[in-house]
Amino acid sequence: MQYVDGFVLAVPTAKLDEYFAMAEKASEVWLDHGALEYKEAVGEDLEVKGDMPFTSFATMANATPDETVVFAWIVYESRAHRDEVNAKVMADERLKEMCESGEMPLDVARMAYGGFEIKVAA
């Protein structure tokens, strides 16, 4: 089964264009090194309706009213493949330039991340 790295983050709405320009560059790096898919999605319907016992992504991300929640994922063949791809990505000068610029359009300390083995795929 495939493997997925998932991310949930809050981006200042005023910096969304800057964030997605960075994400476009990052997607090229991951795909160039073998990731199968790279997706970034903007939260649009994040209100928990009725008496559902859920927590919204906005609450989970501790998003303020001037922030937009982004849900992102990268797909790999397997965890081993993810580890191989990410080792190459972390050594890529294009990514180093983005990260070392010191001008990240979000607070990365508030970004949630995890690796997931896919168990059901339809």
Protein backbone atom coordinates (compact mmCIF):
# COMPACT_ATOMS: atom_id res chain seq x y z
CA MET A 1 0.00 0.00 0.00
CA GLN A 2 1.02 3.58 -0.57
CA TYR A 3 2.23 5.96 2.12
CA VAL A 4 1.21 9.57 2.75
CA ASP A 5 2.80 12.48 4.56
CA GLY A 6 0.05 14.81 5.79
CA PHE A 7 0.16 18.41 6.98
CA VAL A 8 -2.33 20.84 8.54
CA LEU A 9 -1.26 24.45 8.92
CA ALA A 10 -2.64 27.94 9.44
CA VAL A 11 -1.41 30.53 6.95
CA PRO A 12 -2.04 34.25 7.36
CA THR A 13 -4.67 34.97 4.70
CA ALA A 14 -2.72 38.03 3.56
CA LYS A 15 0.23 35.73 2.79
CA LEU A 16 -1.62 32.97 0.90
CA ASP A 17 -0.23 33.98 -2.51
CA GLU A 18 3.29 33.96 -1.09
CA TYR A 19 2.67 30.59 0.57
CA PHE A 20 1.31 28.97 -2.59
CA ALA A 21 4.20 30.32 -4.68
CA MET A 22 6.50 28.55 -2.22
CA ALA A 23 4.32 25.41 -2.33
CA GLU A 24 4.53 25.34 -6.14
CA LYS A 25 8.33 25.32 -5.92
CA ALA A 26 8.24 22.66 -3.19
CA SER A 27 5.95 20.46 -5.28
CA GLU A 28 8.51 20.51 -8.11
CA VAL A 29 11.24 19.40 -5.69
CA TRP A 30 9.21 16.50 -4.27
CA LEU A 31 7.97 15.33 -7.66
CA ASP A 32 11.47 15.63 -9.18
CA HIS A 33 12.73 13.26 -6.48
CA GLY A 34 9.99 10.65 -6.98
CA ALA A 35 6.91 11.57 -4.96
CA LEU A 36 3.79 10.26 -6.73
CA GLU A 37 1.50 13.19 -5.84
CA TYR A 38 1.79 16.53 -4.09
CA LYS A 39 -1.43 18.33 -3.08
CA GLU A 40 -2.25 21.50 -1.15
CA ALA A 41 -5.87 22.44 -0.36
CA VAL A 42 -7.44 25.54 1.20
CA GLY A 43 -10.00 25.08 3.96
CA GLU A 44 -13.39 26.16 2.72
CA ASP A 45 -16.04 24.42 4.84
CA LEU A 46 -14.51 24.03 8.28
CA GLU A 47 -17.47 24.67 10.56
CA VAL A 48 -18.60 21.67 12.58
CA LYS A 49 -22.37 21.46 12.05
CA GLY A 50 -24.93 20.55 14.68
CA ASP A 51 -24.08 18.36 17.64
CA MET A 52 -21.28 16.45 15.96
CA PRO A 53 -18.55 15.44 18.44
CA PHE A 54 -15.77 16.59 16.10
CA THR A 55 -13.08 19.22 16.34
CA SER A 56 -12.72 21.42 13.28
CA PHE A 57 -9.45 21.71 11.42
CA ALA A 58 -9.51 25.44 12.25
CA THR A 59 -9.66 24.65 15.97
CA MET A 60 -7.01 21.95 15.65
CA ALA A 61 -4.71 24.36 13.80
CA ASN A 62 -5.46 27.10 16.34
CA ALA A 63 -6.26 29.34 13.37
CA THR A 64 -7.14 32.96 14.04
CA PRO A 65 -9.81 34.83 12.02
CA ASP A 66 -7.09 36.31 9.79
CA GLU A 67 -5.65 32.88 8.93
CA THR A 68 -6.61 30.23 6.39
CA VAL A 69 -6.26 26.51 7.11
CA VAL A 70 -4.27 24.52 4.55
CA PHE A 71 -4.42 20.73 4.33
CA ALA A 72 -1.59 19.18 2.32
CA TRP A 73 -0.42 15.68 1.48
CA ILE A 74 2.32 13.95 -0.46
CA VAL A 75 1.90 10.39 -1.76
CA TYR A 76 4.67 7.80 -2.01
CA GLU A 77 4.93 4.14 -3.02
CA SER A 78 5.75 3.06 0.56
CA ARG A 79 7.33 4.34 3.76
CA ALA A 80 10.75 3.24 2.50
CA HIS A 81 10.13 5.18 -0.71
CA ARG A 82 9.05 8.21 1.38
CA ASP A 83 12.28 8.02 3.36
CA GLU A 84 14.35 7.84 0.15
CA VAL A 85 12.49 10.74 -1.48
CA ASN A 86 12.63 12.93 1.63
CA ALA A 87 16.39 12.35 2.04
CA LYS A 88 16.88 13.65 -1.50
CA VAL A 89 14.45 16.53 -0.95
CA MET A 90 16.20 17.68 2.24
CA ALA A 91 19.53 17.73 0.38
CA ASP A 92 18.10 19.67 -2.58
CA GLU A 93 19.49 23.21 -2.88
CA ARG A 94 16.12 24.55 -4.06
CA LEU A 95 14.48 23.58 -0.77
CA LYS A 96 17.43 24.80 1.29
CA GLU A 97 17.17 28.23 -0.39
CA MET A 98 13.47 28.50 0.48
CA CYS A 99 13.96 27.43 4.08
CA GLU A 100 17.07 29.48 4.72
CA SER A 101 15.63 32.70 3.32
CA GLY A 102 14.16 33.39 6.76
CA GLU A 103 10.96 34.69 5.19
CA MET A 104 8.49 31.87 5.71
CA PRO A 105 4.89 33.00 5.16
CA LEU A 106 3.66 30.97 8.15
CA ASP A 107 4.64 29.89 11.64
CA VAL A 108 6.09 26.43 10.97
CA ALA A 109 6.07 25.65 14.70
CA ARG A 110 2.25 25.49 14.44
CA MET A 111 2.26 23.09 11.48
CA ALA A 112 1.01 19.57 12.23
CA TYR A 113 2.72 16.70 10.40
CA GLY A 114 2.55 12.93 10.28
CA GLY A 115 3.28 9.93 8.09
CA PHE A 116 0.43 7.54 7.34
CA GLU A 117 0.24 4.07 5.82
CA ILE A 118 -2.82 3.82 3.60
CA LYS A 119 -5.06 0.96 4.68
CA VAL A 120 -8.18 1.61 2.58
CA ALA A 121 -8.14 2.99 -0.94
CA ALA A 122 -11.15 3.07 -3.21
